[in-house]
Amino acid sequence: MYDTIIFDLDDTLTDDCENIRQAFKIVLEYKKDYYTDEKFEMFYNIDKKTWRDRAAGKLITPYENDKEKKAEWLRASRFIKYFGDSIDYNEAVHINDIYMEGMKEKVVAREGTLDIIKYLYNKKYKLIIATNGPIVPLKSKLEKLQIEKYFRIVFSAEEVGFMKPHKEFYKGLLKKSGNPVKEKILFIGD
């Protein structure tokens, strides 16, 4: 019998694509550019590939021993790939800051998210969020979804510098969770 349920956040409890779209629109406004679905598709593909490659160990940053600089470099690299030579690293970092703020603005829940979380909470399950997503918009996302009070622990890959599926991610998650019995954990993700 499970007593702990761990949820991924993006694309599990939220519609991450819509969240990314809204943040991307804010970036384009900053750049005094206009939005099209084609531009979004291009950025979305770059973004997803960046995080897939990082999780698979295919992307090595110049800052492997510095979690904060590593995260900054990875995020900035998406915008350098998208905007090309029209921006430098420092502007890419600034654009990422704008993007991260935009990620807080529009958060779309998957259908039934609040009902499911309330039900499980009322059944006394220990509920945990474990995400590869960034720390910056995390609290805001949970507040906008109206589910933050139901989760005892919120864990981001940034805390350990490794993304799912790396074992270091799960070691950090379990440690922060008080090392629950693994056989009593259910992990739900996309």
Protein backbone atom coordinates (compact mmCIF):
# COMPACT_ATOMS: atom_id res chain seq x y z
CA MET A 1 0.00 0.00 0.00
CA TYR A 2 1.31 3.43 -0.94
CA ASP A 3 1.55 6.20 1.65
CA THR A 4 3.58 8.73 -0.35
CA ILE A 5 2.63 10.06 -3.77
CA ILE A 6 5.17 12.09 -5.70
CA PHE A 7 3.96 14.19 -8.60
CA ASP A 8 5.93 15.69 -11.42
CA LEU A 9 4.61 19.20 -12.05
CA ASP A 10 5.11 20.27 -15.65
CA ASP A 11 2.97 18.35 -18.14
CA THR A 12 1.54 16.30 -15.30
CA LEU A 13 -0.37 18.75 -13.13
CA THR A 14 0.07 21.69 -15.53
CA ASP A 15 -0.22 22.29 -19.25
CA ASP A 16 3.43 23.20 -19.61
CA CYS A 17 3.19 23.98 -23.32
CA GLU A 18 0.69 26.78 -22.68
CA ASN A 19 2.80 28.13 -19.82
CA ILE A 20 5.88 28.22 -22.07
CA ARG A 21 3.87 29.89 -24.85
CA GLN A 22 2.80 32.74 -22.57
CA ALA A 23 6.34 33.32 -21.26
CA PHE A 24 7.69 33.24 -24.82
CA LYS A 25 5.17 35.91 -25.86
CA ILE A 26 6.50 38.16 -23.09
CA VAL A 27 10.06 37.62 -24.35
CA LEU A 28 9.02 38.57 -27.87
CA GLU A 29 7.32 41.72 -26.55
CA TYR A 30 10.58 42.63 -24.80
CA LYS A 31 12.45 42.08 -28.08
CA LYS A 32 9.81 44.19 -29.88
CA ASP A 33 8.97 41.21 -32.05
CA TYR A 34 5.58 39.74 -32.85
CA TYR A 35 4.31 36.27 -31.95
CA THR A 36 3.53 33.55 -34.47
CA ASP A 37 2.84 29.88 -33.94
CA GLU A 38 5.85 29.10 -36.15
CA LYS A 39 8.18 31.15 -33.92
CA PHE A 40 6.78 29.46 -30.84
CA GLU A 41 7.20 26.00 -32.39
CA MET A 42 10.84 26.79 -33.14
CA PHE A 43 11.53 27.98 -29.59
CA TYR A 44 9.53 25.14 -28.04
CA ASN A 45 11.57 22.56 -29.96
CA ILE A 46 14.84 24.22 -28.90
CA ASP A 47 13.66 24.32 -25.28
CA LYS A 48 12.55 20.68 -25.17
CA LYS A 49 15.71 19.48 -26.93
CA THR A 50 17.89 21.42 -24.48
CA TRP A 51 16.33 19.74 -21.46
CA ARG A 52 16.14 16.29 -23.11
CA ASP A 53 19.82 16.50 -24.06
CA ARG A 54 20.75 17.69 -20.59
CA ALA A 55 18.83 14.86 -18.92
CA ALA A 56 20.51 12.37 -21.27
CA GLY A 57 23.97 13.75 -20.43
CA LYS A 58 24.52 15.05 -23.96
CA LEU A 59 24.96 18.70 -22.93
CA ILE A 60 28.00 19.59 -20.92
CA THR A 61 28.17 23.12 -19.59
CA PRO A 62 31.35 25.02 -18.78
CA TYR A 63 30.08 25.17 -15.18
CA GLU A 64 29.55 21.53 -14.22
CA ASN A 65 30.70 22.12 -10.63
CA ASP A 66 28.57 25.23 -10.02
CA LYS A 67 24.82 24.45 -9.91
CA GLU A 68 23.70 28.07 -10.26
CA LYS A 69 26.02 28.94 -13.16
CA LYS A 70 25.19 25.62 -14.84
CA ALA A 71 21.45 26.39 -14.70
CA GLU A 72 22.08 29.95 -15.94
CA TRP A 73 24.17 28.71 -18.87
CA LEU A 74 21.62 26.06 -19.88
CA ARG A 75 18.75 28.53 -19.82
CA ALA A 76 20.67 31.25 -21.64
CA SER A 77 21.79 28.77 -24.31
CA ARG A 78 18.16 28.28 -25.41
CA PHE A 79 17.83 31.95 -26.24
CA ILE A 80 21.22 32.11 -27.94
CA LYS A 81 20.11 29.21 -30.15
CA TYR A 82 16.78 30.90 -30.86
CA PHE A 83 17.97 34.48 -31.45
CA GLY A 84 21.37 33.56 -32.89
CA ASP A 85 24.06 36.22 -33.25
CA SER A 86 21.63 39.05 -32.51
CA ILE A 87 22.22 38.59 -28.76
CA ASP A 88 25.22 37.87 -26.56
CA TYR A 89 25.43 35.72 -23.45
CA ASN A 90 24.60 38.56 -21.03
CA GLU A 91 21.47 39.52 -22.97
CA ALA A 92 20.48 35.84 -23.15
CA VAL A 93 20.72 35.69 -19.34
CA HIS A 94 18.57 38.84 -19.09
CA ILE A 95 16.03 37.43 -21.56
CA ASN A 96 15.89 34.25 -19.51
CA ASP A 97 15.12 36.32 -16.41
CA ILE A 98 12.20 37.91 -18.28
CA TYR A 99 11.09 34.46 -19.44
CA MET A 100 11.23 33.03 -15.91
CA GLU A 101 9.08 35.89 -14.63
CA GLY A 102 6.69 35.18 -17.51
CA MET A 103 6.48 31.53 -16.43
CA LYS A 104 4.85 32.76 -13.21
CA GLU A 105 2.10 34.71 -14.96
CA LYS A 106 -0.09 32.15 -16.70
CA VAL A 107 -0.33 28.69 -15.24
CA VAL A 108 -2.83 26.29 -16.74
CA ALA A 109 -3.83 23.20 -14.75
CA ARG A 110 -4.60 19.86 -16.32
CA GLU A 111 -8.28 19.03 -16.03
CA GLY A 112 -9.13 17.65 -12.59
CA THR A 113 -5.80 18.54 -10.96
CA LEU A 114 -7.23 20.33 -7.92
CA ASP A 115 -9.90 17.67 -7.35
CA ILE A 116 -7.37 14.82 -7.45
CA ILE A 117 -4.91 16.58 -5.14
CA LYS A 118 -7.65 17.41 -2.60
CA TYR A 119 -8.94 13.83 -2.70
CA LEU A 120 -5.48 12.34 -2.06
CA TYR A 121 -4.73 14.88 0.65
CA ASN A 122 -7.99 14.07 2.42
CA LYS A 123 -7.07 10.36 2.25
CA LYS A 124 -3.92 11.29 4.24
CA TYR A 125 -1.32 10.54 1.57
CA LYS A 126 1.97 12.39 1.92
CA LEU A 127 2.08 14.50 -1.25
CA ILE A 128 5.34 15.67 -2.81
CA ILE A 129 6.24 17.63 -5.94
CA ALA A 130 9.43 16.57 -7.74
CA THR A 131 10.26 18.48 -10.90
CA ASN A 132 13.03 19.10 -13.37
CA GLY A 133 11.53 22.57 -13.68
CA PRO A 134 13.24 25.67 -12.34
CA ILE A 135 12.84 26.87 -8.76
CA VAL A 136 12.00 30.47 -9.69
CA PRO A 137 8.42 29.97 -10.97
CA LEU A 138 7.70 26.89 -8.84
CA LYS A 139 6.04 28.56 -5.82
CA SER A 140 4.00 30.81 -8.08
CA LYS A 141 2.82 27.86 -10.17
CA LEU A 142 1.64 25.99 -7.08
CA GLU A 143 -0.15 29.09 -5.77
CA LYS A 144 -1.90 29.73 -9.09
CA LEU A 145 -2.96 26.09 -9.24
CA GLN A 146 -4.25 26.51 -5.65
CA ILE A 147 -2.47 23.34 -4.52
CA GLU A 148 0.57 24.59 -2.57
CA LYS A 149 -0.99 23.87 0.84
CA TYR A 150 -1.45 20.18 0.00
CA PHE A 151 2.22 19.40 -0.59
CA ARG A 152 4.59 18.73 2.29
CA ILE A 153 7.70 18.85 0.13
CA VAL A 154 8.55 20.57 -3.13
CA PHE A 155 11.77 19.44 -4.81
CA SER A 156 13.49 20.83 -7.90
CA ALA A 157 16.36 19.31 -9.86
CA GLU A 158 18.21 22.58 -9.27
CA GLU A 159 18.63 21.58 -5.64
CA VAL A 160 21.01 18.78 -6.58
CA GLY A 161 22.14 19.84 -10.05
CA PHE A 162 20.82 16.69 -11.73
CA MET A 163 17.60 16.09 -13.63
CA LYS A 164 15.39 13.05 -13.83
CA PRO A 165 16.22 10.29 -14.67
CA HIS A 166 19.68 10.60 -13.00
CA LYS A 167 19.97 8.66 -9.78
CA GLU A 168 21.39 11.77 -8.07
CA PHE A 169 18.02 13.47 -8.60
CA TYR A 170 16.22 10.64 -6.80
CA LYS A 171 18.82 10.45 -4.03
CA GLY A 172 18.33 14.16 -3.34
CA LEU A 173 14.55 13.81 -3.50
CA LEU A 174 14.49 10.88 -1.08
CA LYS A 175 16.87 12.61 1.31
CA LYS A 176 14.75 15.78 1.37
CA SER A 177 11.63 13.60 1.82
CA GLY A 178 13.05 11.94 4.93
CA ASN A 179 13.99 8.72 3.11
CA PRO A 180 10.53 7.11 2.93
CA VAL A 181 10.20 3.40 2.24
CA LYS A 182 10.61 3.07 -1.54
CA GLU A 183 8.00 0.33 -1.85
CA LYS A 184 5.39 2.71 -0.40
CA ILE A 185 6.02 5.48 -2.96
CA LEU A 186 4.05 6.08 -6.14
CA PHE A 187 5.62 8.50 -8.61
CA ILE A 188 3.23 10.08 -11.14
CA GLY A 189 4.62 11.89 -14.17
CA ASP A 190 4.16 12.49 -17.85
